[in-house]
PDB file of N, CA and C in Angstrom:
ATOM      1  N   MET A   1     129.015  72.594  29.709  1.00  0.00           N
ATOM      2  CA  MET A   1     128.866  73.312  31.078  1.00  0.00           C
ATOM      3  C   MET A   1     127.229  73.304  30.555  1.00  0.00           C
ATOM      4  N   LYS A   2     126.175  73.555  31.296  1.00  0.00           N
ATOM      5  CA  LYS A   2     124.873  73.846  31.307  1.00  0.00           C
ATOM      6  C   LYS A   2     124.932  75.570  31.818  1.00  0.00           C
ATOM      7  N   ARG A   3     124.661  76.215  30.592  1.00  0.00           N
ATOM      8  CA  ARG A   3     123.992  77.951  31.276  1.00  0.00           C
ATOM      9  C   ARG A   3     122.716  77.641  32.077  1.00  0.00           C
ATOM     10  N   THR A   4     123.036  78.813  32.949  1.00  0.00           N
ATOM     11  CA  THR A   4     121.774  79.342  33.793  1.00  0.00           C
ATOM     12  C   THR A   4     121.266  80.392  33.552  1.00  0.00           C
ATOM     13  N   TYR A   5     119.933  80.666  33.107  1.00  0.00           N
ATOM     14  CA  TYR A   5     119.813  82.179  32.924  1.00  0.00           C
ATOM     15  C   TYR A   5     118.618  82.682  34.199  1.00  0.00           C
ATOM     16  N   ILE A   6     119.168  83.706  34.410  1.00  0.00           N
ATOM     17  CA  ILE A   6     118.030  84.422  35.040  1.00  0.00           C
ATOM     18  C   ILE A   6     117.380  85.487  34.653  1.00  0.00           C
ATOM     19  N   GLU A   7     116.008  85.522  34.887  1.00  0.00           N
ATOM     20  CA  GLU A   7     114.939  85.999  34.376  1.00  0.00           C
ATOM     21  C   GLU A   7     115.313  87.190  34.774  1.00  0.00           C
ATOM     22  N   ARG A   8     114.981  88.290  34.473  1.00  0.00           N
ATOM     23  CA  ARG A   8     115.005  89.614  35.340  1.00  0.00           C
ATOM     24  C   ARG A   8     113.703  90.363  35.101  1.00  0.00           C
ATOM     25  N   SER A   9     113.601  91.095  35.844  1.00  0.00           N
ATOM     26  CA  SER A   9     112.505  91.756  35.892  1.00  0.00           C
ATOM     27  C   SER A   9     112.245  92.890  36.239  1.00  0.00           C
ATOM     28  N   ILE A  10     111.031  93.844  36.187  1.00  0.00           N
ATOM     29  CA  ILE A  10     111.091  95.307  36.145  1.00  0.00           C
ATOM     30  C   ILE A  10     110.231  95.191  37.216  1.00  0.00           C
ATOM     31  N   ARG A  11     110.850  96.075  38.634  1.00  0.00           N
ATOM     32  CA  ARG A  11     110.141  96.232  39.901  1.00  0.00           C
ATOM     33  C   ARG A  11     109.776  97.585  39.843  1.00  0.00           C
ATOM     34  N   ILE A  12     108.380  97.728  40.237  1.00  0.00           N
ATOM     35  CA  ILE A  12     107.471  98.978  40.194  1.00  0.00           C
ATOM     36  C   ILE A  12     106.501  99.134  41.762  1.00  0.00           C
ATOM     37  N   LYS A  13     107.193 100.012  42.338  1.00  0.00           N
ATOM     38  CA  LYS A  13     106.482 100.569  43.545  1.00  0.00           C
ATOM     39  C   LYS A  13     105.437 101.248  43.292  1.00  0.00           C
ATOM     40  N   VAL A  14     104.203 100.769  44.070  1.00  0.00           N
ATOM     41  CA  VAL A  14     102.685 101.630  43.787  1.00  0.00           C
ATOM     42  C   VAL A  14     102.820 102.226  45.366  1.00  0.00           C
ATOM     43  N   LYS A  15     102.312 103.482  45.292  1.00  0.00           N
ATOM     44  CA  LYS A  15     101.861 104.010  46.440  1.00  0.00           C
ATOM     45  C   LYS A  15     100.069 104.441  46.105  1.00  0.00           C
ATOM     46  N   GLY A  16      99.316 104.465  47.495  1.00  0.00           N
ATOM     47  CA  GLY A  16      98.225 104.802  47.162  1.00  0.00           C
ATOM     48  C   GLY A  16      97.142 104.047  47.355  1.00  0.00           C
ATOM     49  N   PRO A  17      95.825 104.265  46.633  1.00  0.00           N
ATOM     50  CA  PRO A  17      95.000 103.454  46.327  1.00  0.00           C
ATOM     51  C   PRO A  17      94.916 102.640  45.516  1.00  0.00           C
ATOM     52  N   LEU A  18      95.837 103.124  44.565  1.00  0.00           N
ATOM     53  CA  LEU A  18      95.574 101.898  43.693  1.00  0.00           C
ATOM     54  C   LEU A  18      96.491 100.786  44.282  1.00  0.00           C
ATOM     55  N   SER A  19      97.293 100.882  45.451  1.00  0.00           N
ATOM     56  CA  SER A  19      97.906  99.581  45.577  1.00  0.00           C
ATOM     57  C   SER A  19      97.082  98.613  46.601  1.00  0.00           C
ATOM     58  N   ILE A  20      95.956  98.709  46.786  1.00  0.00           N
ATOM     59  CA  ILE A  20      94.671  98.462  47.060  1.00  0.00           C
ATOM     60  C   ILE A  20      94.331  97.433  46.193  1.00  0.00           C
ATOM     61  N   VAL A  21      94.667  97.238  44.819  1.00  0.00           N
ATOM     62  CA  VAL A  21      94.180  96.684  43.692  1.00  0.00           C
ATOM     63  C   VAL A  21      95.720  95.637  43.658  1.00  0.00           C
ATOM     64  N   THR A  22      96.905  96.545  43.398  1.00  0.00           N
ATOM     65  CA  THR A  22      98.356  96.187  42.595  1.00  0.00           C
ATOM     66  C   THR A  22      98.886  95.526  43.920  1.00  0.00           C
ATOM     67  N   GLY A  23      98.524  95.823  45.047  1.00  0.00           N
ATOM     68  CA  GLY A  23     100.013  95.631  46.311  1.00  0.00           C
ATOM     69  C   GLY A  23     100.409  96.458  46.446  1.00  0.00           C
ATOM     70  N   GLU A  24     101.870  96.681  46.906  1.00  0.00           N
ATOM     71  CA  GLU A  24     102.802  97.578  47.432  1.00  0.00           C
ATOM     72  C   GLU A  24     103.771  97.307  45.800  1.00  0.00           C
ATOM     73  N   TYR A  25     104.350  95.940  45.265  1.00  0.00           N
ATOM     74  CA  TYR A  25     104.921  96.044  44.425  1.00  0.00           C
ATOM     75  C   TYR A  25     104.567  94.955  43.551  1.00  0.00           C
ATOM     76  N   LEU A  26     105.290  95.790  42.062  1.00  0.00           N
ATOM     77  CA  LEU A  26     104.540  94.727  40.859  1.00  0.00           C
ATOM     78  C   LEU A  26     106.166  94.241  40.253  1.00  0.00           C
ATOM     79  N   GLU A  27     106.422  93.148  39.595  1.00  0.00           N
ATOM     80  CA  GLU A  27     107.133  92.346  38.890  1.00  0.00           C
ATOM     81  C   GLU A  27     106.909  92.452  37.960  1.00  0.00           C
ATOM     82  N   LEU A  28     107.423  92.559  36.613  1.00  0.00           N
ATOM     83  CA  LEU A  28     106.676  92.237  35.598  1.00  0.00           C
ATOM     84  C   LEU A  28     108.225  91.787  34.748  1.00  0.00           C
ATOM     85  N   PRO A  29     107.820  90.667  33.943  1.00  0.00           N
ATOM     86  CA  PRO A  29     109.146  90.676  33.095  1.00  0.00           C
ATOM     87  C   PRO A  29     110.041  91.176  32.373  1.00  0.00           C
ATOM     88  N   ALA A  30     111.020  91.660  32.081  1.00  0.00           N
ATOM     89  CA  ALA A  30     111.887  93.025  31.734  1.00  0.00           C
ATOM     90  C   ALA A  30     111.689  92.365  30.390  1.00  0.00           C
ATOM     91  N   ASP A  31     111.672  91.335  29.697  1.00  0.00           N
ATOM     92  CA  ASP A  31     111.978  91.000  28.231  1.00  0.00           C
ATOM     93  C   ASP A  31     109.969  91.298  27.564  1.00  0.00           C
ATOM     94  N   LYS A  32     109.291  91.960  28.431  1.00  0.00           N
ATOM     95  CA  LYS A  32     108.312  92.045  27.984  1.00  0.00           C
ATOM     96  C   LYS A  32     107.497  93.196  27.901  1.00  0.00           C
ATOM     97  N   VAL A  33     108.209  94.066  29.320  1.00  0.00           N
ATOM     98  CA  VAL A  33     108.005  95.490  29.370  1.00  0.00           C
ATOM     99  C   VAL A  33     109.143  96.019  29.088  1.00  0.00           C
ATOM    100  N   ARG A  34     109.170  97.221  27.630  1.00  0.00           N
ATOM    101  CA  ARG A  34     110.429  98.348  27.686  1.00  0.00           C
ATOM    102  C   ARG A  34     109.922  99.760  27.862  1.00  0.00           C
ATOM    103  N   THR A  35     108.761 100.030  27.791  1.00  0.00           N
ATOM    104  CA  THR A  35     108.234 101.374  28.231  1.00  0.00           C
ATOM    105  C   THR A  35     107.033 101.378  29.447  1.00  0.00           C
ATOM    106  N   VAL A  36     107.082 102.675  29.329  1.00  0.00           N
ATOM    107  CA  VAL A  36     105.787 102.833  30.841  1.00  0.00           C
ATOM    108  C   VAL A  36     104.393 102.430  30.198  1.00  0.00           C
ATOM    109  N   ARG A  37     104.211 102.531  28.719  1.00  0.00           N
ATOM    110  CA  ARG A  37     103.165 102.557  28.122  1.00  0.00           C
ATOM    111  C   ARG A  37     102.826 100.878  27.736  1.00  0.00           C
ATOM    112  N   ASP A  38     104.082  99.842  28.160  1.00  0.00           N
ATOM    113  CA  ASP A  38     103.692  98.355  28.643  1.00  0.00           C
ATOM    114  C   ASP A  38     102.836  98.615  29.824  1.00  0.00           C
ATOM    115  N   ILE A  39     103.557  99.053  30.694  1.00  0.00           N
ATOM    116  CA  ILE A  39     103.847  99.218  31.673  1.00  0.00           C
ATOM    117  C   ILE A  39     101.665  99.170  32.537  1.00  0.00           C
ATOM    118  N   HIS A  40     101.275 100.357  31.491  1.00  0.00           N
ATOM    119  CA  HIS A  40      99.740 100.630  31.554  1.00  0.00           C
ATOM    120  C   HIS A  40      99.036  99.388  30.474  1.00  0.00           C
ATOM    121  N   LYS A  41      99.674  99.020  29.695  1.00  0.00           N
ATOM    122  CA  LYS A  41      98.666  97.808  29.245  1.00  0.00           C
ATOM    123  C   LYS A  41      98.446  96.584  30.030  1.00  0.00           C
ATOM    124  N   TYR A  42      99.473  96.553  30.909  1.00  0.00           N
ATOM    125  CA  TYR A  42      99.732  95.411  31.761  1.00  0.00           C
ATOM    126  C   TYR A  42      98.684  95.192  32.701  1.00  0.00           C
ATOM    127  N   LEU A  43      98.696  96.938  33.377  1.00  0.00           N
ATOM    128  CA  LEU A  43      97.642  96.841  34.490  1.00  0.00           C
ATOM    129  C   LEU A  43      96.310  96.906  33.835  1.00  0.00           C
ATOM    130  N   ILE A  44      96.099  97.424  32.642  1.00  0.00           N
ATOM    131  CA  ILE A  44      94.373  97.253  32.115  1.00  0.00           C
ATOM    132  C   ILE A  44      94.412  95.713  32.201  1.00  0.00           C
ATOM    133  N   GLN A  45      95.374  95.023  31.535  1.00  0.00           N
ATOM    134  CA  GLN A  45      94.990  93.625  31.082  1.00  0.00           C
ATOM    135  C   GLN A  45      94.553  93.024  32.188  1.00  0.00           C
ATOM    136  N   ASN A  46      95.352  93.018  33.293  1.00  0.00           N
ATOM    137  CA  ASN A  46      95.077  92.525  34.481  1.00  0.00           C
ATOM    138  C   ASN A  46      94.638  92.908  35.535  1.00  0.00           C
ATOM    139  N   TYR A  47      94.385  94.109  36.234  1.00  0.00           N
ATOM    140  CA  TYR A  47      94.243  94.360  36.982  1.00  0.00           C
ATOM    141  C   TYR A  47      92.507  95.642  36.798  1.00  0.00           C
ATOM    142  N   LYS A  48      91.829  96.279  35.399  1.00  0.00           N
ATOM    143  CA  LYS A  48      91.065  96.600  35.462  1.00  0.00           C
ATOM    144  C   LYS A  48      89.577  96.377  36.044  1.00  0.00           C
ATOM    145  N   ASP A  49      89.423  95.314  35.767  1.00  0.00           N
ATOM    146  CA  ASP A  49      88.283  94.805  36.393  1.00  0.00           C
ATOM    147  C   ASP A  49      88.347  95.024  38.000  1.00  0.00           C
ATOM    148  N   MET A  50      89.321  94.767  38.398  1.00  0.00           N
ATOM    149  CA  MET A  50      89.143  94.719  40.210  1.00  0.00           C
ATOM    150  C   MET A  50      89.259  95.944  40.514  1.00  0.00           C
ATOM    151  N   ALA A  51      90.003  96.851  39.903  1.00  0.00           N
ATOM    152  CA  ALA A  51      90.209  98.292  39.930  1.00  0.00           C
ATOM    153  C   ALA A  51      88.597  98.929  39.990  1.00  0.00           C
ATOM    154  N   ILE A  52      87.672  98.655  39.015  1.00  0.00           N
ATOM    155  CA  ILE A  52      86.207  98.978  38.402  1.00  0.00           C
ATOM    156  C   ILE A  52      85.748  98.732  39.853  1.00  0.00           C
ATOM    157  N   GLU A  53      85.842  97.601  40.366  1.00  0.00           N
ATOM    158  CA  GLU A  53      85.294  97.050  41.335  1.00  0.00           C
ATOM    159  C   GLU A  53      85.036  97.871  42.446  1.00  0.00           C
ATOM    160  N   LYS A  54      86.569  98.449  42.842  1.00  0.00           N
ATOM    161  CA  LYS A  54      87.239  99.052  44.098  1.00  0.00           C
ATOM    162  C   LYS A  54      86.949 100.630  44.151  1.00  0.00           C
ATOM    163  N   GLY A  55      86.132 100.907  42.636  1.00  0.00           N
ATOM    164  CA  GLY A  55      85.877 102.496  42.171  1.00  0.00           C
ATOM    165  C   GLY A  55      87.511 103.093  41.705  1.00  0.00           C
ATOM    166  N   LEU A  56      88.220 101.939  41.140  1.00  0.00           N
ATOM    167  CA  LEU A  56      89.682 102.501  41.118  1.00  0.00           C
ATOM    168  C   LEU A  56      89.651 102.464  39.578  1.00  0.00           C
ATOM    169  N   GLY A  57      88.789 102.501  39.045  1.00  0.00           N
ATOM    170  CA  GLY A  57      88.933 101.963  37.621  1.00  0.00           C
ATOM    171  C   GLY A  57      89.412 103.238  36.266  1.00  0.00           C
ATOM    172  N   GLU A  58      89.098 104.437  36.931  1.00  0.00           N
ATOM    173  CA  GLU A  58      89.468 105.617  36.107  1.00  0.00           C
ATOM    174  C   GLU A  58      91.309 105.672  36.435  1.00  0.00           C
ATOM    175  N   VAL A  59      91.734 105.198  37.480  1.00  0.00           N
ATOM    176  CA  VAL A  59      92.973 105.031  37.977  1.00  0.00           C
ATOM    177  C   VAL A  59      93.908 104.130  36.848  1.00  0.00           C
ATOM    178  N   VAL A  60      93.707 103.228  36.353  1.00  0.00           N
ATOM    179  CA  VAL A  60      94.098 102.521  35.902  1.00  0.00           C
ATOM    180  C   VAL A  60      93.545 102.760  34.284  1.00  0.00           C
ATOM    181  N   GLU A  61      92.683 103.039  34.151  1.00  0.00           N
ATOM    182  CA  GLU A  61      92.669 103.759  32.564  1.00  0.00           C
ATOM    183  C   GLU A  61      93.108 104.867  32.023  1.00  0.00           C
ATOM    184  N   ASN A  62      93.791 105.705  32.956  1.00  0.00           N
ATOM    185  CA  ASN A  62      94.027 106.904  32.581  1.00  0.00           C
ATOM    186  C   ASN A  62      95.198 106.851  33.604  1.00  0.00           C
ATOM    187  N   LEU A  63      96.333 106.268  33.589  1.00  0.00           N
ATOM    188  CA  LEU A  63      97.347 106.013  34.241  1.00  0.00           C
ATOM    189  C   LEU A  63      98.602 107.118  34.303  1.00  0.00           C
ATOM    190  N   ASP A  64      98.327 107.822  33.193  1.00  0.00           N
ATOM    191  CA  ASP A  64      99.120 108.950  33.070  1.00  0.00           C
ATOM    192  C   ASP A  64      98.518 110.343  33.656  1.00  0.00           C
ATOM    193  N   SER A  65      97.250 110.291  33.915  1.00  0.00           N
ATOM    194  CA  SER A  65      96.665 111.392  34.101  1.00  0.00           C
ATOM    195  C   SER A  65      96.215 111.314  35.516  1.00  0.00           C
ATOM    196  N   GLN A  66      96.049 110.287  36.002  1.00  0.00           N
ATOM    197  CA  GLN A  66      95.956 109.637  37.417  1.00  0.00           C
ATOM    198  C   GLN A  66      96.873 109.794  38.338  1.00  0.00           C
ATOM    199  N   ASN A  67      98.002 109.166  37.792  1.00  0.00           N
ATOM    200  CA  ASN A  67      98.976 108.794  38.766  1.00  0.00           C
ATOM    201  C   ASN A  67     100.258 110.201  38.457  1.00  0.00           C
ATOM    202  N   LEU A  68     101.011 109.958  39.323  1.00  0.00           N
ATOM    203  CA  LEU A  68     102.316 110.602  39.088  1.00  0.00           C
ATOM    204  C   LEU A  68     103.333 109.381  39.262  1.00  0.00           C
ATOM    205  N   ILE A  69     103.931 109.258  37.691  1.00  0.00           N
ATOM    206  CA  ILE A  69     104.606 107.935  37.945  1.00  0.00           C
ATOM    207  C   ILE A  69     106.054 108.408  37.109  1.00  0.00           C
ATOM    208  N   LEU A  70     107.287 108.226  38.312  1.00  0.00           N
ATOM    209  CA  LEU A  70     108.750 108.339  38.720  1.00  0.00           C
ATOM    210  C   LEU A  70     109.603 107.060  37.768  1.00  0.00           C
ATOM    211  N   VAL A  71     110.319 107.629  36.863  1.00  0.00           N
ATOM    212  CA  VAL A  71     111.356 106.358  36.432  1.00  0.00           C
ATOM    213  C   VAL A  71     112.492 107.174  36.994  1.00  0.00           C
ATOM    214  N   ASN A  72     113.333 106.556  37.963  1.00  0.00           N
ATOM    215  CA  ASN A  72     114.845 107.267  38.313  1.00  0.00           C
ATOM    216  C   ASN A  72     114.214 108.158  38.807  1.00  0.00           C
ATOM    217  N   GLY A  73     113.432 109.055  39.397  1.00  0.00           N
ATOM    218  CA  GLY A  73     113.099 109.996  40.399  1.00  0.00           C
ATOM    219  C   GLY A  73     112.353 111.149  39.363  1.00  0.00           C
ATOM    220  N   ARG A  74     112.496 110.927  37.907  1.00  0.00           N
ATOM    221  CA  ARG A  74     112.278 112.165  37.004  1.00  0.00           C
ATOM    222  C   ARG A  74     110.580 111.601  36.554  1.00  0.00           C
ATOM    223  N   GLU A  75     109.871 112.416  36.445  1.00  0.00           N
ATOM    224  CA  GLU A  75     108.058 112.217  36.200  1.00  0.00           C
ATOM    225  C   GLU A  75     108.442 112.014  34.994  1.00  0.00           C
ATOM    226  N   ILE A  76     107.332 111.296  34.093  1.00  0.00           N
ATOM    227  CA  ILE A  76     107.583 110.636  33.023  1.00  0.00           C
ATOM    228  C   ILE A  76     107.222 111.951  32.001  1.00  0.00           C
ATOM    229  N   ASN A  77     106.747 113.083  32.350  1.00  0.00           N
ATOM    230  CA  ASN A  77     105.938 114.047  31.665  1.00  0.00           C
ATOM    231  C   ASN A  77     107.653 114.647  31.280  1.00  0.00           C
ATOM    232  N   THR A  78     108.558 114.735  31.860  1.00  0.00           N
ATOM    233  CA  THR A  78     109.903 115.591  31.896  1.00  0.00           C
ATOM    234  C   THR A  78     110.677 114.359  30.755  1.00  0.00           C
ATOM    235  N   LEU A  79     110.298 113.482  30.437  1.00  0.00           N
ATOM    236  CA  LEU A  79     110.832 112.023  29.801  1.00  0.00           C
ATOM    237  C   LEU A  79     110.258 112.221  28.339  1.00  0.00           C
ATOM    238  N   ALA A  80     109.922 110.696  28.354  1.00  0.00           N
ATOM    239  CA  ALA A  80     108.930 110.666  26.931  1.00  0.00           C
ATOM    240  C   ALA A  80     107.667 110.286  27.276  1.00  0.00           C
ATOM    241  N   GLY A  81     107.163 110.593  28.398  1.00  0.00           N
ATOM    242  CA  GLY A  81     105.737 110.432  28.626  1.00  0.00           C
ATOM    243  C   GLY A  81     105.534 108.652  28.666  1.00  0.00           C
ATOM    244  N   LEU A  82     104.495 108.298  28.353  1.00  0.00           N
ATOM    245  CA  LEU A  82     104.446 106.779  28.170  1.00  0.00           C
ATOM    246  C   LEU A  82     105.164 105.646  27.343  1.00  0.00           C
ATOM    247  N   ASP A  83     105.967 106.769  26.933  1.00  0.00           N
ATOM    248  CA  ASP A  83     106.800 105.867  25.560  1.00  0.00           C
ATOM    249  C   ASP A  83     108.208 106.128  26.241  1.00  0.00           C
ATOM    250  N   THR A  84     108.336 106.327  27.996  1.00  0.00           N
ATOM    251  CA  THR A  84     110.007 106.363  28.399  1.00  0.00           C
ATOM    252  C   THR A  84     110.292 105.004  28.438  1.00  0.00           C
ATOM    253  N   ASN A  85     111.387 104.658  28.015  1.00  0.00           N
ATOM    254  CA  ASN A  85     112.000 103.541  28.029  1.00  0.00           C
ATOM    255  C   ASN A  85     112.228 102.781  29.655  1.00  0.00           C
ATOM    256  N   ILE A  86     112.392 102.059  29.835  1.00  0.00           N
ATOM    257  CA  ILE A  86     112.531 101.442  31.122  1.00  0.00           C
ATOM    258  C   ILE A  86     113.460  99.807  31.092  1.00  0.00           C
ATOM    259  N   GLY A  87     114.359 100.235  32.080  1.00  0.00           N
ATOM    260  CA  GLY A  87     114.754  98.262  32.251  1.00  0.00           C
ATOM    261  C   GLY A  87     114.951  97.631  33.668  1.00  0.00           C
ATOM    262  N   PRO A  88     115.328  96.687  33.990  1.00  0.00           N
ATOM    263  CA  PRO A  88     115.401  96.400  35.322  1.00  0.00           C
ATOM    264  C   PRO A  88     115.823  96.855  36.582  1.00  0.00           C
ATOM    265  N   ASP A  89     117.076  98.081  35.653  1.00  0.00           N
ATOM    266  CA  ASP A  89     117.932  98.777  36.562  1.00  0.00           C
ATOM    267  C   ASP A  89     117.289  99.920  37.023  1.00  0.00           C
ATOM    268  N   ASP A  90     115.957 100.055  36.704  1.00  0.00           N
ATOM    269  CA  ASP A  90     115.048 101.403  36.877  1.00  0.00           C
ATOM    270  C   ASP A  90     114.402 101.196  37.856  1.00  0.00           C
ATOM    271  N   GLU A  91     114.344 102.434  38.649  1.00  0.00           N
ATOM    272  CA  GLU A  91     113.886 102.562  39.915  1.00  0.00           C
ATOM    273  C   GLU A  91     112.066 103.214  39.302  1.00  0.00           C
ATOM    274  N   ILE A  92     110.803 102.343  39.338  1.00  0.00           N
ATOM    275  CA  ILE A  92     109.731 102.961  38.745  1.00  0.00           C
ATOM    276  C   ILE A  92     108.888 102.876  40.261  1.00  0.00           C
ATOM    277  N   VAL A  93     108.042 104.088  40.305  1.00  0.00           N
ATOM    278  CA  VAL A  93     107.078 104.212  41.371  1.00  0.00           C
ATOM    279  C   VAL A  93     105.949 105.453  40.401  1.00  0.00           C
ATOM    280  N   ILE A  94     105.067 104.164  40.617  1.00  0.00           N
ATOM    281  CA  ILE A  94     103.571 105.113  40.316  1.00  0.00           C
ATOM    282  C   ILE A  94     103.222 105.624  42.172  1.00  0.00           C
ATOM    283  N   ILE A  95     102.464 106.807  41.570  1.00  0.00           N
ATOM    284  CA  ILE A  95     101.901 107.363  43.167  1.00  0.00           C
ATOM    285  C   ILE A  95     100.591 107.803  42.461  1.00  0.00           C
ATOM    286  N   ASN A  96      99.477 107.316  43.188  1.00  0.00           N
ATOM    287  CA  ASN A  96      97.813 107.730  42.391  1.00  0.00           C
ATOM    288  C   ASN A  96      98.086 109.039  43.652  1.00  0.00           C
ATOM    289  N   TYR A  97      97.042 110.170  42.886  1.00  0.00           N
ATOM    290  CA  TYR A  97      96.564 111.685  43.051  1.00  0.00           C
ATOM    291  C   TYR A  97      95.394 111.279  43.417  1.00  0.00           C
ATOM    292  N   THR A  98      94.801 111.486  44.709  1.00  0.00           N
ATOM    293  CA  THR A  98      94.010 111.529  45.621  1.00  0.00           C
ATOM    294  C   THR A  98      93.526 113.227  45.956  1.00  0.00           C
ATOM    295  N   HIS A  99      92.114 112.947  45.649  1.00  0.00           N
ATOM    296  CA  HIS A  99      91.351 114.717  45.635  1.00  0.00           C
ATOM    297  C   HIS A  99      90.451 114.487  46.691  1.00  0.00           C
ATOM    298  N   GLY A 100      90.699 115.113  47.148  1.00  0.00           N
ATOM    299  CA  GLY A 100      89.335 115.597  48.082  1.00  0.00           C
ATOM    300  C   GLY A 100      88.480 116.405  47.533  1.00  0.00           C
ATOM    301  N   GLY A 101      86.907 116.364  47.823  1.00  0.00           N
ATOM    302  CA  GLY A 101      86.225 117.392  47.740  1.00  0.00           C
ATOM    303  C   GLY A 101      84.919 117.716  48.250  1.00  0.00           C
TER     304      GLY A 101
END
């Protein structure tokens, strides 16, 4: 009997200006993403240049200080910060802080 493997993914909802660069949802392979830090690395590798072009470079480079990051409804700084473990069943939301002046 042939086995079929379904590749699992981590789904991330992105809200605010950062979604201009990433889109409203990101799906990353679960076998490559184990922590919020891995999401940060992915964003830098794949979206940094576009973010800089849109004036959002700092939002990507300083992910944890420029965004509210929730894992299952809890802010990551109440967990393990960027080292917070994540899996395919977790709900992850990144909300960019926007400030006027």
